[in-house]
């Protein structure tokens, strides 16, 4: 059963409590299935990730006072919404935009369910940055992301590293992408690269709770890491 099928057919009603769960129940208005009650921790985390991703992306789309269709299109591209579920996914997204709960409640619960500063939350934060960058990052969106990152439990240093990949002038600097000082020796470059490959391997993130349907963010990040490593090593050859 795909994460979208679970989310959009009412199979997630008891998987997530609090404001995120209320958003699901308001959309589906259906009882949870016995199958869902038997789901283990990983599946519950996948559902929490999915609902939080929609809710926070929807709230961010209004942060600059203008919710563009391009931002939702980026959401669908990153998260691989199947054609058969796109109308329902958009309805859920629009409902989240107009919900009475603030983004703070969604961010706080996501951090509690997924683990502060966890790889899964980094996936979610990075996805929000990619969506924000779709039509140019507005200062109000940056302020929104700053607050979400703080509520997710990221340190200032970790947030700066994540932010630099997407919404800072140095986003294409291979040394920034690998998190090392410019001109670092080859052995330091290799060590940093191996550490990032281990930390960001898609299998690890799926095990932590990132649904397979949402793995595009991890794949894009790994492509950036591989490209940065190749550029540095080519230049030092």
C-alpha atoms as a PDB file:
ATOM      1  CA  UNK A   1       0.000   0.000   0.000  1.00  0.00           C
ATOM      2  CA  UNK A   2       1.568   3.307  -1.074  1.00  0.00           C
ATOM      3  CA  UNK A   3       1.887   6.260   1.262  1.00  0.00           C
ATOM      4  CA  UNK A   4      -0.472   8.256  -0.973  1.00  0.00           C
ATOM      5  CA  UNK A   5      -3.096   5.509  -0.905  1.00  0.00           C
ATOM      6  CA  UNK A   6      -2.891   5.366   2.883  1.00  0.00           C
ATOM      7  CA  UNK A   7      -3.102   9.122   3.219  1.00  0.00           C
ATOM      8  CA  UNK A   8      -5.856   9.816   0.705  1.00  0.00           C
ATOM      9  CA  UNK A   9      -8.189   6.887   1.382  1.00  0.00           C
ATOM     10  CA  UNK A  10      -8.520   7.384   5.117  1.00  0.00           C
ATOM     11  CA  UNK A  11      -6.109   4.675   6.250  1.00  0.00           C
ATOM     12  CA  UNK A  12      -4.049   7.053   8.372  1.00  0.00           C
ATOM     13  CA  UNK A  13      -6.620   8.246  10.865  1.00  0.00           C
ATOM     14  CA  UNK A  14      -4.987   6.817  13.988  1.00  0.00           C
ATOM     15  CA  UNK A  15      -1.397   6.946  12.829  1.00  0.00           C
ATOM     16  CA  UNK A  16      -0.832  10.554  13.868  1.00  0.00           C
ATOM     17  CA  UNK A  17      -2.444  12.455  16.723  1.00  0.00           C
ATOM     18  CA  UNK A  18      -2.525  16.189  17.433  1.00  0.00           C
ATOM     19  CA  UNK A  19      -2.933  18.879  14.764  1.00  0.00           C
ATOM     20  CA  UNK A  20      -1.387  16.755  11.999  1.00  0.00           C
ATOM     21  CA  UNK A  21      -3.797  13.910  12.713  1.00  0.00           C
ATOM     22  CA  UNK A  22      -6.707  16.351  12.878  1.00  0.00           C
ATOM     23  CA  UNK A  23      -5.817  17.578   9.400  1.00  0.00           C
ATOM     24  CA  UNK A  24      -5.939  14.007   8.053  1.00  0.00           C
ATOM     25  CA  UNK A  25      -9.231  13.206   9.777  1.00  0.00           C
ATOM     26  CA  UNK A  26     -10.826  16.421   8.543  1.00  0.00           C
ATOM     27  CA  UNK A  27      -9.888  15.476   4.989  1.00  0.00           C
ATOM     28  CA  UNK A  28     -10.864  11.801   5.030  1.00  0.00           C
ATOM     29  CA  UNK A  29     -13.703  11.730   7.601  1.00  0.00           C
ATOM     30  CA  UNK A  30     -13.289   7.968   7.765  1.00  0.00           C
ATOM     31  CA  UNK A  31     -12.343   5.482  10.463  1.00  0.00           C
ATOM     32  CA  UNK A  32      -8.891   3.981  10.509  1.00  0.00           C
ATOM     33  CA  UNK A  33      -8.545   0.441   9.275  1.00  0.00           C
ATOM     34  CA  UNK A  34      -7.397  -2.501  11.412  1.00  0.00           C
ATOM     35  CA  UNK A  35      -4.431  -2.827   9.066  1.00  0.00           C
ATOM     36  CA  UNK A  36      -3.198   0.625  10.039  1.00  0.00           C
ATOM     37  CA  UNK A  37      -3.457  -0.163  13.746  1.00  0.00           C
ATOM     38  CA  UNK A  38      -0.942  -2.952  13.143  1.00  0.00           C
ATOM     39  CA  UNK A  39       1.554  -0.750  11.380  1.00  0.00           C
ATOM     40  CA  UNK A  40       4.942  -0.518  13.023  1.00  0.00           C
ATOM     41  CA  UNK A  41       7.007   2.520  13.949  1.00  0.00           C
ATOM     42  CA  UNK A  42       8.532   3.000  10.493  1.00  0.00           C
ATOM     43  CA  UNK A  43       5.180   3.193   8.738  1.00  0.00           C
ATOM     44  CA  UNK A  44       3.792   5.608  11.309  1.00  0.00           C
ATOM     45  CA  UNK A  45       6.807   7.814  10.792  1.00  0.00           C
ATOM     46  CA  UNK A  46       6.268   7.693   7.022  1.00  0.00           C
ATOM     47  CA  UNK A  47       2.699   8.857   7.473  1.00  0.00           C
ATOM     48  CA  UNK A  48       3.809  11.613   9.871  1.00  0.00           C
ATOM     49  CA  UNK A  49       6.413  12.737   7.341  1.00  0.00           C
ATOM     50  CA  UNK A  50       3.850  12.837   4.531  1.00  0.00           C
ATOM     51  CA  UNK A  51       1.268  14.845   6.433  1.00  0.00           C
ATOM     52  CA  UNK A  52       3.894  17.242   7.814  1.00  0.00           C
ATOM     53  CA  UNK A  53       5.355  17.731   4.333  1.00  0.00           C
ATOM     54  CA  UNK A  54       1.992  18.702   2.887  1.00  0.00           C
ATOM     55  CA  UNK A  55       0.996  20.876   5.837  1.00  0.00           C
ATOM     56  CA  UNK A  56       4.274  22.786   6.098  1.00  0.00           C
ATOM     57  CA  UNK A  57       4.667  23.195   2.338  1.00  0.00           C
ATOM     58  CA  UNK A  58       1.114  24.509   2.116  1.00  0.00           C
ATOM     59  CA  UNK A  59       1.658  26.983   4.949  1.00  0.00           C
ATOM     60  CA  UNK A  60       4.978  28.124   3.461  1.00  0.00           C
ATOM     61  CA  UNK A  61       3.315  28.779   0.105  1.00  0.00           C
ATOM     62  CA  UNK A  62       1.338  31.547   1.801  1.00  0.00           C
ATOM     63  CA  UNK A  63       4.260  32.979   3.765  1.00  0.00           C
ATOM     64  CA  UNK A  64       5.014  35.553   1.089  1.00  0.00           C
ATOM     65  CA  UNK A  65       1.344  36.343   0.571  1.00  0.00           C
ATOM     66  CA  UNK A  66       1.160  34.510  -2.754  1.00  0.00           C
ATOM     67  CA  UNK A  67       0.547  30.772  -3.203  1.00  0.00           C
ATOM     68  CA  UNK A  68       1.810  29.999  -6.698  1.00  0.00           C
ATOM     69  CA  UNK A  69       0.812  26.995  -8.789  1.00  0.00           C
ATOM     70  CA  UNK A  70       4.514  26.487  -9.555  1.00  0.00           C
ATOM     71  CA  UNK A  71       5.217  25.743  -5.896  1.00  0.00           C
ATOM     72  CA  UNK A  72       2.629  22.993  -5.795  1.00  0.00           C
ATOM     73  CA  UNK A  73       3.987  21.615  -9.073  1.00  0.00           C
ATOM     74  CA  UNK A  74       7.436  21.426  -7.447  1.00  0.00           C
ATOM     75  CA  UNK A  75       5.878  19.629  -4.487  1.00  0.00           C
ATOM     76  CA  UNK A  76       4.420  17.026  -6.831  1.00  0.00           C
ATOM     77  CA  UNK A  77       7.727  16.605  -8.674  1.00  0.00           C
ATOM     78  CA  UNK A  78       9.752  16.144  -5.513  1.00  0.00           C
ATOM     79  CA  UNK A  79       7.282  13.819  -3.867  1.00  0.00           C
ATOM     80  CA  UNK A  80       6.175  11.763  -6.878  1.00  0.00           C
ATOM     81  CA  UNK A  81       2.435  12.142  -6.504  1.00  0.00           C
ATOM     82  CA  UNK A  82       0.910   9.564  -8.887  1.00  0.00           C
ATOM     83  CA  UNK A  83      -1.361  10.905 -11.607  1.00  0.00           C
ATOM     84  CA  UNK A  84      -4.347   9.044 -10.158  1.00  0.00           C
ATOM     85  CA  UNK A  85      -3.946  10.833  -6.798  1.00  0.00           C
ATOM     86  CA  UNK A  86      -2.985  14.344  -7.909  1.00  0.00           C
ATOM     87  CA  UNK A  87      -6.458  15.843  -7.612  1.00  0.00           C
ATOM     88  CA  UNK A  88      -6.835  14.491  -4.074  1.00  0.00           C
ATOM     89  CA  UNK A  89      -3.309  15.577  -3.116  1.00  0.00           C
ATOM     90  CA  UNK A  90      -4.061  19.108  -4.308  1.00  0.00           C
ATOM     91  CA  UNK A  91      -7.327  19.170  -2.358  1.00  0.00           C
ATOM     92  CA  UNK A  92      -5.444  18.146   0.787  1.00  0.00           C
ATOM     93  CA  UNK A  93      -2.773  20.775   0.113  1.00  0.00           C
ATOM     94  CA  UNK A  94      -5.346  23.537  -0.361  1.00  0.00           C
ATOM     95  CA  UNK A  95      -7.193  22.488   2.781  1.00  0.00           C
ATOM     96  CA  UNK A  96      -3.946  22.620   4.759  1.00  0.00           C
ATOM     97  CA  UNK A  97      -3.371  26.174   3.502  1.00  0.00           C
ATOM     98  CA  UNK A  98      -6.673  27.254   4.978  1.00  0.00           C
ATOM     99  CA  UNK A  99      -6.558  25.252   8.206  1.00  0.00           C
ATOM    100  CA  UNK A 100      -6.814  27.134  11.484  1.00  0.00           C
ATOM    101  CA  UNK A 101      -3.753  25.445  13.014  1.00  0.00           C
ATOM    102  CA  UNK A 102      -0.558  27.436  12.623  1.00  0.00           C
ATOM    103  CA  UNK A 103       2.604  26.020  11.093  1.00  0.00           C
ATOM    104  CA  UNK A 104       4.221  26.059  14.534  1.00  0.00           C
ATOM    105  CA  UNK A 105       1.927  23.268  15.738  1.00  0.00           C
ATOM    106  CA  UNK A 106       2.730  21.154  12.680  1.00  0.00           C
ATOM    107  CA  UNK A 107       6.485  21.737  12.970  1.00  0.00           C
ATOM    108  CA  UNK A 108       6.543  20.979  16.700  1.00  0.00           C
ATOM    109  CA  UNK A 109       4.660  17.728  16.277  1.00  0.00           C
ATOM    110  CA  UNK A 110       6.790  16.642  13.318  1.00  0.00           C
ATOM    111  CA  UNK A 111       9.912  17.162  15.434  1.00  0.00           C
ATOM    112  CA  UNK A 112       8.423  15.119  18.259  1.00  0.00           C
ATOM    113  CA  UNK A 113       7.335  12.257  16.005  1.00  0.00           C
ATOM    114  CA  UNK A 114      10.379  12.122  13.727  1.00  0.00           C
ATOM    115  CA  UNK A 115      13.142  13.112  16.156  1.00  0.00           C
ATOM    116  CA  UNK A 116      14.707  16.551  16.498  1.00  0.00           C
ATOM    117  CA  UNK A 117      17.535  17.123  14.026  1.00  0.00           C
ATOM    118  CA  UNK A 118      16.989  13.684  12.449  1.00  0.00           C
ATOM    119  CA  UNK A 119      17.871  12.733   8.844  1.00  0.00           C
ATOM    120  CA  UNK A 120      14.153  12.528   8.080  1.00  0.00           C
ATOM    121  CA  UNK A 121      13.561  16.083   9.268  1.00  0.00           C
ATOM    122  CA  UNK A 122      16.524  17.224   7.197  1.00  0.00           C
ATOM    123  CA  UNK A 123      14.830  15.685   4.152  1.00  0.00           C
ATOM    124  CA  UNK A 124      11.673  17.582   4.986  1.00  0.00           C
ATOM    125  CA  UNK A 125      13.452  20.890   5.596  1.00  0.00           C
ATOM    126  CA  UNK A 126      15.417  20.547   2.377  1.00  0.00           C
ATOM    127  CA  UNK A 127      12.234  19.819   0.444  1.00  0.00           C
ATOM    128  CA  UNK A 128      10.688  23.023   1.799  1.00  0.00           C
ATOM    129  CA  UNK A 129      13.743  24.962   0.619  1.00  0.00           C
ATOM    130  CA  UNK A 130      13.481  23.477  -2.864  1.00  0.00           C
ATOM    131  CA  UNK A 131       9.820  24.459  -3.033  1.00  0.00           C
ATOM    132  CA  UNK A 132      10.576  27.979  -1.811  1.00  0.00           C
ATOM    133  CA  UNK A 133      13.241  28.377  -4.496  1.00  0.00           C
ATOM    134  CA  UNK A 134      10.762  27.545  -7.270  1.00  0.00           C
ATOM    135  CA  UNK A 135       9.675  31.142  -7.861  1.00  0.00           C
ATOM    136  CA  UNK A 136      12.515  32.924  -6.087  1.00  0.00           C
ATOM    137  CA  UNK A 137      12.977  32.863  -2.326  1.00  0.00           C
ATOM    138  CA  UNK A 138      11.087  35.692  -0.634  1.00  0.00           C
ATOM    139  CA  UNK A 139      12.432  37.147   2.660  1.00  0.00           C
ATOM    140  CA  UNK A 140       9.223  36.060   4.386  1.00  0.00           C
ATOM    141  CA  UNK A 141       9.840  32.490   3.209  1.00  0.00           C
ATOM    142  CA  UNK A 142      13.369  32.636   4.607  1.00  0.00           C
ATOM    143  CA  UNK A 143      11.947  33.794   7.936  1.00  0.00           C
ATOM    144  CA  UNK A 144       9.461  30.917   7.817  1.00  0.00           C
ATOM    145  CA  UNK A 145      12.230  28.388   7.122  1.00  0.00           C
ATOM    146  CA  UNK A 146      14.347  29.849   9.925  1.00  0.00           C
ATOM    147  CA  UNK A 147      11.524  29.244  12.385  1.00  0.00           C
ATOM    148  CA  UNK A 148      10.773  25.745  11.092  1.00  0.00           C
ATOM    149  CA  UNK A 149      14.458  24.770  11.337  1.00  0.00           C
ATOM    150  CA  UNK A 150      14.574  26.019  14.919  1.00  0.00           C
ATOM    151  CA  UNK A 151      11.457  24.062  15.850  1.00  0.00           C
ATOM    152  CA  UNK A 152      12.913  20.993  14.136  1.00  0.00           C
ATOM    153  CA  UNK A 153      15.853  21.198  16.517  1.00  0.00           C
ATOM    154  CA  UNK A 154      18.682  21.939  14.074  1.00  0.00           C
ATOM    155  CA  UNK A 155      21.735  23.725  15.434  1.00  0.00           C
ATOM    156  CA  UNK A 156      22.750  27.017  13.859  1.00  0.00           C
ATOM    157  CA  UNK A 157      25.727  25.314  12.188  1.00  0.00           C
ATOM    158  CA  UNK A 158      23.693  22.449  10.735  1.00  0.00           C
ATOM    159  CA  UNK A 159      21.001  24.797   9.497  1.00  0.00           C
ATOM    160  CA  UNK A 160      23.601  27.028   7.832  1.00  0.00           C
ATOM    161  CA  UNK A 161      25.034  23.984   6.025  1.00  0.00           C
ATOM    162  CA  UNK A 162      21.606  22.892   4.787  1.00  0.00           C
ATOM    163  CA  UNK A 163      20.601  26.419   3.849  1.00  0.00           C
ATOM    164  CA  UNK A 164      23.797  27.005   1.873  1.00  0.00           C
ATOM    165  CA  UNK A 165      22.857  24.239  -0.565  1.00  0.00           C
ATOM    166  CA  UNK A 166      19.718  26.003  -1.709  1.00  0.00           C
ATOM    167  CA  UNK A 167      19.170  29.625  -0.765  1.00  0.00           C
ATOM    168  CA  UNK A 168      22.596  31.158  -0.267  1.00  0.00           C
ATOM    169  CA  UNK A 169      24.932  32.607  -2.951  1.00  0.00           C
ATOM    170  CA  UNK A 170      27.429  29.797  -2.344  1.00  0.00           C
ATOM    171  CA  UNK A 171      24.925  27.043  -3.110  1.00  0.00           C
ATOM    172  CA  UNK A 172      26.985  25.794  -6.064  1.00  0.00           C
ATOM    173  CA  UNK A 173      30.312  25.830  -4.214  1.00  0.00           C
ATOM    174  CA  UNK A 174      31.498  22.206  -4.063  1.00  0.00           C
ATOM    175  CA  UNK A 175      33.327  22.811  -0.789  1.00  0.00           C
ATOM    176  CA  UNK A 176      30.149  24.144   0.823  1.00  0.00           C
ATOM    177  CA  UNK A 177      28.215  21.130  -0.420  1.00  0.00           C
ATOM    178  CA  UNK A 178      30.760  18.775   1.169  1.00  0.00           C
ATOM    179  CA  UNK A 179      31.020  20.916   4.296  1.00  0.00           C
ATOM    180  CA  UNK A 180      34.792  21.404   4.153  1.00  0.00           C
ATOM    181  CA  UNK A 181      37.145  24.363   3.928  1.00  0.00           C
ATOM    182  CA  UNK A 182      38.161  25.581   0.451  1.00  0.00           C
ATOM    183  CA  UNK A 183      41.449  24.055  -0.646  1.00  0.00           C
ATOM    184  CA  UNK A 184      41.193  21.092   1.746  1.00  0.00           C
ATOM    185  CA  UNK A 185      43.685  18.309   0.907  1.00  0.00           C
ATOM    186  CA  UNK A 186      42.458  15.299  -1.101  1.00  0.00           C
ATOM    187  CA  UNK A 187      42.412  12.991   1.923  1.00  0.00           C
ATOM    188  CA  UNK A 188      40.101  15.429   3.764  1.00  0.00           C
ATOM    189  CA  UNK A 189      37.872  15.678   0.702  1.00  0.00           C
ATOM    190  CA  UNK A 190      37.627  11.892   0.445  1.00  0.00           C
ATOM    191  CA  UNK A 191      36.860  11.551   4.164  1.00  0.00           C
ATOM    192  CA  UNK A 192      34.114  14.175   3.986  1.00  0.00           C
ATOM    193  CA  UNK A 193      32.637  12.579   0.895  1.00  0.00           C
ATOM    194  CA  UNK A 194      32.548   9.085   2.428  1.00  0.00           C
ATOM    195  CA  UNK A 195      30.931  10.454   5.560  1.00  0.00           C
ATOM    196  CA  UNK A 196      28.208  12.186   3.563  1.00  0.00           C
ATOM    197  CA  UNK A 197      27.555   9.129   1.403  1.00  0.00           C
ATOM    198  CA  UNK A 198      27.051   7.087   4.546  1.00  0.00           C
ATOM    199  CA  UNK A 199      24.891   9.685   6.258  1.00  0.00           C
ATOM    200  CA  UNK A 200      22.710  10.414   3.236  1.00  0.00           C
ATOM    201  CA  UNK A 201      22.312   7.000   1.653  1.00  0.00           C
ATOM    202  CA  UNK A 202      18.653   6.653   0.568  1.00  0.00           C
ATOM    203  CA  UNK A 203      18.292   3.296   2.349  1.00  0.00           C
ATOM    204  CA  UNK A 204      19.135   4.900   5.681  1.00  0.00           C
ATOM    205  CA  UNK A 205      16.586   7.649   5.213  1.00  0.00           C
ATOM    206  CA  UNK A 206      13.842   5.221   4.238  1.00  0.00           C
ATOM    207  CA  UNK A 207      14.663   3.157   7.314  1.00  0.00           C
ATOM    208  CA  UNK A 208      14.342   6.313   9.428  1.00  0.00           C
ATOM    209  CA  UNK A 209      10.909   7.105   8.014  1.00  0.00           C
ATOM    210  CA  UNK A 210      11.239   8.938   4.688  1.00  0.00           C
ATOM    211  CA  UNK A 211       8.642   7.242   2.424  1.00  0.00           C
ATOM    212  CA  UNK A 212       9.932   5.747  -0.857  1.00  0.00           C
ATOM    213  CA  UNK A 213       7.603   8.097  -2.748  1.00  0.00           C
ATOM    214  CA  UNK A 214       9.462  11.065  -1.228  1.00  0.00           C
ATOM    215  CA  UNK A 215      13.006   9.865  -1.826  1.00  0.00           C
ATOM    216  CA  UNK A 216      13.605  12.314  -4.712  1.00  0.00           C
ATOM    217  CA  UNK A 217      14.982  14.871  -2.258  1.00  0.00           C
ATOM    218  CA  UNK A 218      17.586  12.373  -1.020  1.00  0.00           C
ATOM    219  CA  UNK A 219      18.491  11.370  -4.568  1.00  0.00           C
ATOM    220  CA  UNK A 220      18.938  14.997  -5.631  1.00  0.00           C
ATOM    221  CA  UNK A 221      21.148  15.634  -2.609  1.00  0.00           C
ATOM    222  CA  UNK A 222      23.319  12.608  -3.389  1.00  0.00           C
ATOM    223  CA  UNK A 223      23.671  13.791  -6.984  1.00  0.00           C
ATOM    224  CA  UNK A 224      24.878  17.169  -5.691  1.00  0.00           C
ATOM    225  CA  UNK A 225      27.351  15.486  -3.314  1.00  0.00           C
ATOM    226  CA  UNK A 226      28.706  13.224  -6.052  1.00  0.00           C
ATOM    227  CA  UNK A 227      29.024  16.164  -8.435  1.00  0.00           C
ATOM    228  CA  UNK A 228      30.815  18.318  -5.846  1.00  0.00           C
ATOM    229  CA  UNK A 229      33.271  15.536  -5.062  1.00  0.00           C
ATOM    230  CA  UNK A 230      34.001  14.985  -8.750  1.00  0.00           C
ATOM    231  CA  UNK A 231      34.576  18.712  -9.348  1.00  0.00           C
ATOM    232  CA  UNK A 232      37.015  19.046  -6.460  1.00  0.00           C
ATOM    233  CA  UNK A 233      38.962  15.916  -7.278  1.00  0.00           C
ATOM    234  CA  UNK A 234      39.165  16.838 -10.948  1.00  0.00           C
ATOM    235  CA  UNK A 235      40.547  20.224 -10.010  1.00  0.00           C
ATOM    236  CA  UNK A 236      43.172  18.697  -7.728  1.00  0.00           C
ATOM    237  CA  UNK A 237      44.306  16.099 -10.230  1.00  0.00           C
END
